[in-house]
Amino acid sequence: MITDDLKVLPLSTSNSVELLNKLGVKDVSVLGDKIVTVGKVEVLSRSTQAFIAKMKPLTDLFLLKNVD
């Protein structure tokens, strides 16, 4: 699991629960999943855009439709 502050953690129940608590999620029924497929060029390009715009590295990078 990679968090928004770019920490890499083992995918485990305890880490998942801890992250949900940190994010203030009270009702897990509102959660969903999203599969994101990206290539190296897109990651580098979008990472640069996120850095320049001072975005949250992962949330804004992959959940916003357009960062241009």
N, C-alpha and C. Protein backbone atom coordinates (compact mmCIF):
# COMPACT_ATOMS: atom_id res chain seq x y z
N MET A 1 0.85 -1.15 0.00
CA MET A 1 0.00 0.00 0.00
C MET A 1 0.91 1.23 0.00
N ILE A 2 0.55 2.20 -0.82
CA ILE A 2 1.30 3.46 -0.86
C ILE A 2 0.35 4.56 -0.41
N THR A 3 0.74 5.29 0.61
CA THR A 3 -0.11 6.35 1.14
C THR A 3 0.11 7.65 0.37
N ASP A 4 -0.75 8.63 0.64
CA ASP A 4 -0.67 9.90 -0.08
C ASP A 4 0.63 10.64 0.19
N ASP A 5 1.26 10.38 1.34
CA ASP A 5 2.55 11.01 1.62
C ASP A 5 3.71 10.13 1.15
N LEU A 6 3.39 9.18 0.26
CA LEU A 6 4.35 8.30 -0.42
C LEU A 6 5.06 7.32 0.50
N LYS A 7 4.45 6.98 1.62
CA LYS A 7 4.99 5.92 2.47
C LYS A 7 4.55 4.58 1.89
N VAL A 8 5.45 3.64 1.83
CA VAL A 8 5.14 2.30 1.34
C VAL A 8 4.97 1.38 2.54
N LEU A 9 3.78 0.80 2.67
CA LEU A 9 3.46 -0.06 3.81
C LEU A 9 2.97 -1.41 3.30
N PRO A 10 3.20 -2.47 4.07
CA PRO A 10 2.64 -3.76 3.68
C PRO A 10 1.11 -3.68 3.69
N LEU A 11 0.48 -4.32 2.73
CA LEU A 11 -0.98 -4.33 2.70
C LEU A 11 -1.48 -5.31 3.75
N SER A 12 -2.01 -4.76 4.84
CA SER A 12 -2.50 -5.60 5.93
C SER A 12 -3.76 -4.95 6.50
N THR A 13 -4.51 -5.74 7.22
CA THR A 13 -5.74 -5.22 7.84
C THR A 13 -5.42 -4.09 8.81
N SER A 14 -4.39 -4.27 9.62
CA SER A 14 -4.07 -3.23 10.62
C SER A 14 -3.63 -1.93 9.96
N ASN A 15 -2.82 -2.01 8.91
CA ASN A 15 -2.41 -0.80 8.21
C ASN A 15 -3.60 -0.13 7.52
N SER A 16 -4.49 -0.93 6.96
CA SER A 16 -5.67 -0.38 6.29
C SER A 16 -6.58 0.33 7.29
N VAL A 17 -6.83 -0.30 8.43
CA VAL A 17 -7.68 0.30 9.46
C VAL A 17 -7.04 1.58 9.99
N GLU A 18 -5.75 1.54 10.23
CA GLU A 18 -5.03 2.72 10.71
C GLU A 18 -5.15 3.88 9.72
N LEU A 19 -4.99 3.59 8.44
CA LEU A 19 -5.10 4.63 7.42
C LEU A 19 -6.52 5.19 7.36
N LEU A 20 -7.52 4.33 7.40
CA LEU A 20 -8.91 4.79 7.38
C LEU A 20 -9.21 5.67 8.59
N ASN A 21 -8.71 5.30 9.76
CA ASN A 21 -8.90 6.14 10.95
C ASN A 21 -8.21 7.48 10.78
N LYS A 22 -7.00 7.47 10.25
CA LYS A 22 -6.24 8.71 10.03
C LYS A 22 -6.98 9.64 9.07
N LEU A 23 -7.64 9.05 8.08
CA LEU A 23 -8.38 9.84 7.10
C LEU A 23 -9.77 10.23 7.58
N GLY A 24 -10.16 9.74 8.75
CA GLY A 24 -11.46 10.09 9.31
C GLY A 24 -12.64 9.35 8.70
N VAL A 25 -12.39 8.19 8.11
CA VAL A 25 -13.46 7.41 7.50
C VAL A 25 -14.21 6.67 8.62
N LYS A 26 -15.49 6.98 8.75
CA LYS A 26 -16.32 6.34 9.77
C LYS A 26 -17.20 5.24 9.18
N ASP A 27 -17.64 5.44 7.94
CA ASP A 27 -18.55 4.50 7.29
C ASP A 27 -17.86 3.86 6.09
N VAL A 28 -17.40 2.63 6.26
CA VAL A 28 -16.66 1.97 5.18
C VAL A 28 -17.53 1.61 3.99
N SER A 29 -18.86 1.71 4.13
CA SER A 29 -19.73 1.41 3.00
C SER A 29 -19.64 2.47 1.90
N VAL A 30 -19.06 3.62 2.21
CA VAL A 30 -18.91 4.67 1.20
C VAL A 30 -17.65 4.49 0.37
N LEU A 31 -16.81 3.53 0.75
CA LEU A 31 -15.55 3.31 0.03
C LEU A 31 -15.77 2.50 -1.23
N GLY A 32 -14.89 2.70 -2.18
CA GLY A 32 -14.92 1.92 -3.41
C GLY A 32 -13.50 1.64 -3.83
N ASP A 33 -13.37 0.92 -4.92
CA ASP A 33 -12.02 0.68 -5.42
C ASP A 33 -11.91 1.24 -6.82
N LYS A 34 -10.69 1.48 -7.22
CA LYS A 34 -10.43 2.03 -8.54
C LYS A 34 -9.11 1.45 -9.02
N ILE A 35 -9.14 0.89 -10.21
CA ILE A 35 -7.92 0.37 -10.81
C ILE A 35 -7.38 1.43 -11.76
N VAL A 36 -6.13 1.80 -11.56
CA VAL A 36 -5.50 2.83 -12.37
C VAL A 36 -4.31 2.21 -13.08
N THR A 37 -4.32 2.27 -14.39
CA THR A 37 -3.20 1.73 -15.17
C THR A 37 -2.47 2.90 -15.82
N VAL A 38 -1.19 3.03 -15.51
CA VAL A 38 -0.39 4.12 -16.06
C VAL A 38 0.96 3.59 -16.51
N GLY A 39 1.56 4.30 -17.44
CA GLY A 39 2.89 3.95 -17.91
C GLY A 39 3.94 4.86 -17.30
N LYS A 40 5.19 4.57 -17.58
CA LYS A 40 6.30 5.35 -17.01
C LYS A 40 6.23 6.81 -17.43
N VAL A 41 5.95 7.06 -18.71
CA VAL A 41 5.92 8.43 -19.21
C VAL A 41 4.82 9.23 -18.51
N GLU A 42 3.65 8.63 -18.36
CA GLU A 42 2.55 9.33 -17.69
C GLU A 42 2.88 9.60 -16.22
N VAL A 43 3.46 8.65 -15.54
CA VAL A 43 3.83 8.84 -14.14
C VAL A 43 4.83 9.99 -14.00
N LEU A 44 5.84 10.01 -14.84
CA LEU A 44 6.83 11.09 -14.77
C LEU A 44 6.21 12.44 -15.08
N SER A 45 5.39 12.50 -16.11
CA SER A 45 4.75 13.75 -16.50
C SER A 45 3.81 14.25 -15.41
N ARG A 46 2.94 13.39 -14.94
CA ARG A 46 1.97 13.79 -13.91
C ARG A 46 2.64 14.08 -12.57
N SER A 47 3.71 13.37 -12.25
CA SER A 47 4.43 13.63 -11.01
C SER A 47 5.05 15.02 -11.03
N THR A 48 5.59 15.40 -12.17
CA THR A 48 6.16 16.74 -12.33
C THR A 48 5.06 17.78 -12.17
N GLN A 49 3.91 17.56 -12.80
CA GLN A 49 2.79 18.49 -12.68
C GLN A 49 2.33 18.59 -11.23
N ALA A 50 2.24 17.47 -10.55
CA ALA A 50 1.81 17.46 -9.15
C ALA A 50 2.79 18.21 -8.26
N PHE A 51 4.09 18.03 -8.53
CA PHE A 51 5.12 18.72 -7.74
C PHE A 51 5.01 20.23 -7.94
N ILE A 52 4.87 20.65 -9.18
CA ILE A 52 4.80 22.08 -9.49
C ILE A 52 3.54 22.70 -8.88
N ALA A 53 2.43 21.98 -8.94
CA ALA A 53 1.15 22.50 -8.44
C ALA A 53 0.97 22.26 -6.94
N LYS A 54 1.96 21.64 -6.29
CA LYS A 54 1.90 21.32 -4.86
C LYS A 54 0.65 20.51 -4.53
N MET A 55 0.42 19.48 -5.30
CA MET A 55 -0.72 18.60 -5.10
C MET A 55 -0.35 17.47 -4.17
N LYS A 56 -1.34 16.80 -3.63
CA LYS A 56 -1.09 15.56 -2.89
C LYS A 56 -0.64 14.55 -3.92
N PRO A 57 0.50 13.94 -3.74
CA PRO A 57 1.10 13.13 -4.79
C PRO A 57 0.19 12.09 -5.43
N LEU A 58 -0.53 11.33 -4.67
CA LEU A 58 -1.30 10.23 -5.27
C LEU A 58 -2.77 10.58 -5.48
N THR A 59 -3.41 11.13 -4.49
CA THR A 59 -4.83 11.42 -4.61
C THR A 59 -5.11 12.34 -5.78
N ASP A 60 -4.48 13.50 -5.79
CA ASP A 60 -4.73 14.46 -6.85
C ASP A 60 -4.20 13.96 -8.18
N LEU A 61 -3.11 13.26 -8.15
CA LEU A 61 -2.48 12.80 -9.37
C LEU A 61 -3.34 11.81 -10.13
N PHE A 62 -3.93 10.86 -9.44
CA PHE A 62 -4.66 9.80 -10.13
C PHE A 62 -6.17 9.90 -10.04
N LEU A 63 -6.70 10.66 -9.12
CA LEU A 63 -8.15 10.73 -9.00
C LEU A 63 -8.75 11.93 -9.69
N LEU A 64 -7.97 12.97 -9.95
CA LEU A 64 -8.46 14.09 -10.74
C LEU A 64 -8.40 13.71 -12.21
N LYS A 65 -9.40 14.16 -12.97
CA LYS A 65 -9.44 13.76 -14.38
C LYS A 65 -8.33 14.39 -15.20
N ASN A 66 -8.07 15.66 -14.99
CA ASN A 66 -7.09 16.34 -15.83
C ASN A 66 -6.24 17.27 -14.99
N VAL A 67 -4.95 17.16 -15.11
CA VAL A 67 -4.03 17.98 -14.32
C VAL A 67 -3.36 19.02 -15.21
N ASP A 68 -3.74 19.07 -16.49
CA ASP A 68 -3.08 19.96 -17.46
C ASP A 68 -3.30 21.41 -17.17
